[in-house]
Amino acid sequence: MFGIAGVIAYCSMRTEKTIERLGRIVEELGGKTPVSVFAGGTMEELPSPVRRYFTYVFRGEPRNVSWVRVEMAGQFRRPRTENFSRTTASQILAAGTPAFVFDATTPVVPGIWARAYDSFAEGRMEMKAKIASAFTVVDERETEALNRTSLRRWLLESPLCPPALLPGGPVRWEPIDDHHARAVVSGYGLEASLVATFRDDGSLESFSAEEDGDLETPYHGSGEHVSRSDYRLVEGMMIPMAFSISRVSGGRSYPFWTGCVVSIVFGDCAGEKRRASLPDLSPEEGCSDSSGRIRREER
């Protein structure tokens, strides 16, 4: 028993060091590729719902942000299963270049957990899932298709860092109608796109892919749809605190990761880190879990 416990402890330490290393890479890439400050005339060239979004989301001049680190709590459904489990996760997202690392911990059975992470940096993805942080059950390496999926994943998560969506960065906007616009992200010889739906107040309600997902893969990838709500003023920006990410196929939606943000840290190009103070949720506004509540905590 001690031998097995020792192996798990050693492998868990190595897994955590890998996640930390990937996080440092994303932060460094974000610091090297700051978001360009857009010219005043550039805003007028954007589709009208995108202009309303930037007016809504920035309460003042856009912030100098190179990356954002968020911690989340919610319910996660593993691929090809139906049941949800309480899950905690963290994510670092670069603002001026498509790069991120995501890691999560999900209970499997009492005393056993799954530790998963995936990353995308400099055009290459990596994805692993391990039981007890030690025994690998998913190990996906870069292919052109998976790299493109990871590029789309960065775009899907970008509303958590609004400067990433500004003109002059890796995203361009194409008009559709008064409440929709197509966001196209380019990087490393690849492109990916999602259609944004905007509410009347200017907030971004959802991002949706224009093609079905493959529900038979051993991973969820980016998902094909995300809905975002509960916008709160954080560091001069309106940030969506609640989310639900789904697979979509055959006209049906299959949620797999639903929850809320519990902590945010912004990094700027000077290497400064600012931990945002998040307002408490009222009982009516909490993100739901199996017990009905997940409170937001300042960590």
Protein backbone atom coordinates (compact mmCIF):
# COMPACT_ATOMS: atom_id res chain seq x y z
CA MET A 1 0.00 0.00 0.00
CA PHE A 2 2.80 2.41 0.90
CA GLY A 3 4.47 1.66 -2.43
CA ILE A 4 1.34 2.58 -4.38
CA ALA A 5 0.82 5.71 -2.27
CA GLY A 6 4.42 6.71 -2.92
CA VAL A 7 4.03 6.27 -6.68
CA ILE A 8 0.84 8.35 -6.69
CA ALA A 9 2.48 11.10 -4.63
CA TYR A 10 5.50 11.21 -6.95
CA CYS A 11 3.41 11.20 -10.12
CA SER A 12 1.06 13.82 -8.69
CA MET A 13 4.03 16.10 -7.97
CA ARG A 14 5.28 15.69 -11.55
CA THR A 15 1.83 16.42 -12.96
CA GLU A 16 1.54 19.63 -10.93
CA LYS A 17 5.00 20.77 -12.01
CA THR A 18 4.03 20.20 -15.65
CA ILE A 19 0.89 22.30 -15.22
CA GLU A 20 2.90 25.05 -13.53
CA ARG A 21 5.45 25.02 -16.37
CA LEU A 22 2.72 25.29 -19.01
CA GLY A 23 1.19 28.19 -17.09
CA ARG A 24 4.49 30.07 -17.05
CA ILE A 25 4.81 29.60 -20.81
CA VAL A 26 1.36 31.12 -21.40
CA GLU A 27 2.10 34.07 -19.11
CA GLU A 28 5.42 34.69 -20.89
CA LEU A 29 3.75 34.56 -24.31
CA GLY A 30 1.10 37.00 -23.11
CA GLY A 31 3.78 39.38 -21.86
CA LYS A 32 5.62 39.27 -25.19
CA THR A 33 2.50 39.95 -27.29
CA PRO A 34 0.50 42.75 -25.67
CA VAL A 35 -2.86 43.71 -27.10
CA SER A 36 -2.51 46.64 -29.48
CA VAL A 37 -4.30 49.82 -28.44
CA PHE A 38 -6.89 50.35 -31.15
CA ALA A 39 -7.17 53.61 -33.07
CA GLY A 40 -10.39 55.57 -32.59
CA GLY A 41 -11.47 55.08 -36.20
CA THR A 42 -11.08 51.31 -35.97
CA MET A 43 -14.13 50.96 -33.73
CA GLU A 44 -16.37 52.52 -36.36
CA GLU A 45 -15.37 49.81 -38.81
CA LEU A 46 -16.62 47.03 -36.53
CA PRO A 47 -20.06 45.40 -36.89
CA SER A 48 -22.65 47.30 -34.85
CA PRO A 49 -23.26 44.59 -32.20
CA VAL A 50 -19.50 44.34 -31.61
CA ARG A 51 -19.28 48.10 -31.08
CA ARG A 52 -22.11 47.83 -28.55
CA TYR A 53 -20.25 44.98 -26.83
CA PHE A 54 -17.06 47.01 -26.39
CA THR A 55 -19.07 50.00 -25.15
CA TYR A 56 -20.74 47.71 -22.62
CA VAL A 57 -17.69 45.78 -21.49
CA PHE A 58 -15.11 48.58 -21.09
CA ARG A 59 -16.00 51.14 -18.45
CA GLY A 60 -13.30 53.57 -19.53
CA GLU A 61 -10.22 52.94 -21.65
CA PRO A 62 -9.32 49.25 -22.27
CA ARG A 63 -6.94 47.90 -19.64
CA ASN A 64 -3.33 46.94 -20.30
CA VAL A 65 -3.75 43.18 -19.84
CA SER A 66 -1.34 40.50 -21.07
CA TRP A 67 -3.07 37.48 -19.50
CA VAL A 68 -5.83 36.47 -17.11
CA ARG A 69 -5.92 33.60 -14.62
CA VAL A 70 -9.36 32.41 -13.52
CA GLU A 71 -10.42 29.80 -11.00
CA MET A 72 -13.79 28.14 -11.49
CA ALA A 73 -16.14 25.78 -9.70
CA GLY A 74 -19.07 23.88 -11.07
CA GLN A 75 -20.32 20.61 -12.52
CA PHE A 76 -18.46 18.59 -15.16
CA ARG A 77 -19.57 15.62 -17.24
CA ARG A 78 -16.85 13.34 -18.57
CA PRO A 79 -16.99 12.43 -22.30
CA ARG A 80 -19.43 9.69 -23.26
CA THR A 81 -21.06 9.74 -19.81
CA GLU A 82 -24.30 11.24 -18.48
CA ASN A 83 -23.59 12.06 -14.83
CA PHE A 84 -22.10 15.33 -13.59
CA SER A 85 -19.55 15.68 -10.78
CA ARG A 86 -18.48 18.68 -8.76
CA THR A 87 -15.30 20.05 -10.33
CA THR A 88 -12.77 22.78 -9.64
CA ALA A 89 -10.60 24.20 -12.40
CA SER A 90 -8.19 26.97 -13.27
CA GLN A 91 -7.22 28.54 -16.57
CA ILE A 92 -4.60 31.00 -17.81
CA LEU A 93 -5.46 32.80 -21.04
CA ALA A 94 -3.06 35.06 -22.97
CA ALA A 95 -4.67 38.24 -24.32
CA GLY A 96 -2.65 39.16 -27.39
CA THR A 97 -1.89 35.71 -28.77
CA PRO A 98 -3.89 32.46 -28.85
CA ALA A 99 -2.44 30.57 -25.89
CA PHE A 100 -3.97 29.00 -22.79
CA VAL A 101 -3.62 26.24 -20.22
CA PHE A 102 -6.59 24.68 -18.42
CA ASP A 103 -6.51 22.18 -15.56
CA ALA A 104 -9.30 20.54 -13.59
CA THR A 105 -9.87 18.07 -10.76
CA THR A 106 -12.99 15.89 -10.74
CA PRO A 107 -13.91 13.15 -8.22
CA VAL A 108 -14.47 9.74 -9.86
CA VAL A 109 -15.38 7.60 -6.83
CA PRO A 110 -14.72 8.28 -3.13
CA GLY A 111 -10.96 8.64 -2.66
CA ILE A 112 -10.20 8.62 -6.40
CA TRP A 113 -10.03 11.69 -8.61
CA ALA A 114 -9.28 12.58 -12.21
CA ARG A 115 -6.71 15.29 -12.94
CA ALA A 116 -6.89 16.70 -16.46
CA TYR A 117 -5.11 19.48 -18.30
CA ASP A 118 -4.81 20.77 -21.81
CA SER A 119 -2.77 23.59 -23.26
CA PHE A 120 -2.18 25.47 -26.48
CA ALA A 121 0.97 27.54 -26.95
CA GLU A 122 2.91 28.61 -30.02
CA GLY A 123 0.49 26.71 -32.24
CA ARG A 124 0.81 23.34 -30.48
CA MET A 125 -1.67 21.62 -28.21
CA GLU A 126 -1.27 19.02 -25.50
CA MET A 127 -3.98 17.19 -23.56
CA LYS A 128 -3.78 14.66 -20.73
CA ALA A 129 -6.14 13.11 -18.19
CA LYS A 130 -4.88 11.01 -15.30
CA ILE A 131 -6.60 8.99 -12.62
CA ALA A 132 -5.26 10.00 -9.19
CA SER A 133 -2.89 12.36 -11.06
CA ALA A 134 -0.81 9.29 -11.89
CA PHE A 135 -2.36 6.84 -14.35
CA THR A 136 -2.86 8.27 -17.84
CA VAL A 137 -6.22 7.61 -19.51
CA VAL A 138 -6.12 10.36 -22.18
CA ASP A 139 -2.95 11.45 -23.96
CA GLU A 140 -3.55 13.57 -27.06
CA ARG A 141 -0.77 15.30 -28.96
CA GLU A 142 -0.91 17.92 -31.65
CA THR A 143 -2.46 17.31 -35.04
CA GLU A 144 -3.67 20.02 -37.38
CA ALA A 145 -7.28 19.24 -36.43
CA LEU A 146 -6.59 19.30 -32.68
CA ASN A 147 -4.51 22.47 -32.99
CA ARG A 148 -7.44 24.14 -34.76
CA THR A 149 -9.81 22.90 -32.06
CA SER A 150 -7.53 24.40 -29.41
CA LEU A 151 -7.40 27.68 -31.33
CA ARG A 152 -11.21 27.73 -31.24
CA ARG A 153 -11.08 26.89 -27.53
CA TRP A 154 -9.04 30.04 -26.90
CA LEU A 155 -11.66 32.06 -28.77
CA LEU A 156 -14.49 30.43 -26.83
CA GLU A 157 -12.83 31.45 -23.53
CA SER A 158 -11.81 34.97 -24.66
CA PRO A 159 -14.80 36.84 -23.13
CA LEU A 160 -13.08 36.25 -19.77
CA CYS A 161 -10.36 38.62 -21.07
CA PRO A 162 -12.17 41.25 -23.20
CA PRO A 163 -8.99 42.96 -24.49
CA ALA A 164 -8.29 39.72 -26.40
CA LEU A 165 -11.25 40.54 -28.67
CA LEU A 166 -10.17 44.08 -29.54
CA PRO A 167 -9.16 45.12 -33.07
CA GLY A 168 -5.41 44.86 -33.59
CA GLY A 169 -5.17 41.47 -31.90
CA PRO A 170 -5.60 37.95 -33.28
CA VAL A 171 -9.40 38.30 -33.72
CA ARG A 172 -11.26 39.93 -36.60
CA TRP A 173 -15.01 40.47 -36.72
CA GLU A 174 -17.38 39.84 -39.64
CA PRO A 175 -20.93 41.25 -39.71
CA ILE A 176 -24.03 39.03 -39.71
CA ASP A 177 -26.95 41.07 -38.35
CA ASP A 178 -27.84 43.44 -35.52
CA HIS A 179 -27.41 40.79 -32.80
CA HIS A 180 -24.82 38.45 -34.32
CA ALA A 181 -21.26 38.68 -35.62
CA ARG A 182 -18.64 36.13 -36.57
CA ALA A 183 -15.36 36.18 -34.64
CA VAL A 184 -12.41 34.72 -36.55
CA VAL A 185 -9.14 34.03 -34.76
CA SER A 186 -5.93 33.53 -36.73
CA GLY A 187 -2.63 32.17 -35.57
CA TYR A 188 0.21 29.88 -36.58
CA GLY A 189 -1.19 29.34 -40.07
CA LEU A 190 -4.60 28.27 -38.71
CA GLU A 191 -8.01 29.88 -38.43
CA ALA A 192 -11.08 29.11 -36.33
CA SER A 193 -14.36 30.93 -35.94
CA LEU A 194 -17.43 31.18 -33.71
CA VAL A 195 -20.66 33.14 -34.09
CA ALA A 196 -21.31 35.55 -31.24
CA THR A 197 -24.83 36.37 -30.08
CA PHE A 198 -25.25 39.69 -28.27
CA ARG A 199 -28.02 40.80 -25.91
CA ASP A 200 -29.79 44.14 -26.28
CA ASP A 201 -27.62 45.64 -23.53
CA GLY A 202 -24.46 44.80 -25.50
CA SER A 203 -23.30 41.85 -23.43
CA LEU A 204 -22.08 38.73 -25.23
CA GLU A 205 -24.67 36.02 -24.60
CA SER A 206 -23.02 33.09 -26.39
CA PHE A 207 -20.45 31.79 -28.82
CA SER A 208 -21.52 29.00 -31.19
CA ALA A 209 -19.71 26.86 -33.75
CA GLU A 210 -21.23 26.56 -37.20
CA GLU A 211 -20.56 22.85 -37.51
CA ASP A 212 -21.52 19.81 -35.45
CA GLY A 213 -19.14 18.21 -32.98
CA ASP A 214 -17.98 14.60 -32.87
CA LEU A 215 -19.51 13.17 -29.70
CA GLU A 216 -17.53 9.93 -29.90
CA THR A 217 -14.11 11.40 -29.07
CA PRO A 218 -12.57 10.60 -25.65
CA TYR A 219 -12.34 14.36 -24.98
CA HIS A 220 -14.70 17.32 -25.24
CA GLY A 221 -12.23 19.61 -26.99
CA SER A 222 -13.49 23.17 -27.21
CA GLY A 223 -17.17 22.30 -27.21
CA GLU A 224 -19.44 23.86 -29.82
CA HIS A 225 -21.38 26.32 -27.67
CA VAL A 226 -20.87 28.47 -24.59
CA SER A 227 -23.44 30.69 -22.90
CA ARG A 228 -22.28 33.42 -20.52
CA SER A 229 -24.18 35.52 -17.98
CA ASP A 230 -23.94 37.26 -14.59
CA TYR A 231 -21.67 40.05 -15.82
CA ARG A 232 -19.86 41.88 -13.02
CA LEU A 233 -17.62 44.94 -13.02
CA VAL A 234 -14.05 43.73 -12.43
CA GLU A 235 -10.99 45.96 -12.91
CA GLY A 236 -12.99 48.37 -15.06
CA MET A 237 -14.36 45.60 -17.31
CA MET A 238 -17.64 43.69 -17.35
CA ILE A 239 -16.69 40.03 -16.96
CA PRO A 240 -19.18 37.14 -17.27
CA MET A 241 -19.08 35.08 -14.09
CA ALA A 242 -21.48 32.25 -15.02
CA PHE A 243 -20.97 29.87 -17.94
CA SER A 244 -22.28 26.69 -19.53
CA ILE A 245 -20.24 24.91 -22.23
CA SER A 246 -21.87 22.27 -24.42
CA ARG A 247 -21.25 19.80 -27.20
CA VAL A 248 -23.68 20.23 -30.10
CA SER A 249 -24.65 17.66 -32.72
CA GLY A 250 -27.75 16.97 -34.78
CA GLY A 251 -29.50 20.07 -33.51
CA ARG A 252 -29.17 18.97 -29.87
CA SER A 253 -27.06 20.50 -27.13
CA TYR A 254 -25.24 18.43 -24.51
CA PRO A 255 -23.82 20.55 -21.65
CA PHE A 256 -20.64 19.22 -20.05
CA TRP A 257 -19.10 22.04 -17.98
CA THR A 258 -21.34 24.47 -16.09
CA GLY A 259 -20.30 26.74 -13.26
CA CYS A 260 -18.97 30.14 -12.27
CA VAL A 261 -15.76 32.08 -11.79
CA VAL A 262 -14.54 32.20 -8.17
CA SER A 263 -11.27 34.11 -8.58
CA ILE A 264 -9.61 36.33 -11.21
CA VAL A 265 -6.01 37.54 -11.49
CA PHE A 266 -4.94 39.86 -14.31
CA GLY A 267 -1.32 40.20 -15.42
CA ASP A 268 -0.02 43.21 -17.33
CA CYS A 269 2.94 43.67 -19.66
CA ALA A 270 5.10 45.06 -16.86
CA GLY A 271 4.84 41.78 -15.00
CA GLU A 272 2.41 43.13 -12.39
CA LYS A 273 -0.38 40.86 -11.14
CA ARG A 274 -3.70 42.21 -9.88
CA ARG A 275 -6.08 39.93 -7.98
CA ALA A 276 -9.58 41.23 -8.50
CA SER A 277 -12.01 41.49 -5.61
CA LEU A 278 -15.23 39.78 -6.64
CA PRO A 279 -18.58 40.84 -5.21
CA ASP A 280 -20.41 38.27 -3.13
CA LEU A 281 -23.36 36.47 -4.68
CA SER A 282 -26.81 36.66 -3.19
CA PRO A 283 -28.53 33.29 -2.67
CA GLU A 284 -30.58 33.86 -5.81
CA GLU A 285 -27.51 34.51 -7.96
CA GLY A 286 -25.28 31.58 -7.04
CA CYS A 287 -24.11 29.00 -9.57
CA SER A 288 -25.98 25.76 -9.05
CA ASP A 289 -24.40 22.44 -8.16
CA SER A 290 -25.88 19.19 -6.90
CA SER A 291 -26.57 20.86 -3.54
CA GLY A 292 -27.98 23.96 -5.22
CA ARG A 293 -25.20 26.42 -4.39
CA ILE A 294 -21.61 27.21 -5.22
CA ARG A 295 -20.50 30.40 -3.52
CA ARG A 296 -17.88 32.63 -4.97
CA GLU A 297 -14.90 33.07 -2.68
CA GLU A 298 -11.96 35.45 -2.72
CA ARG A 299 -8.80 33.40 -2.45
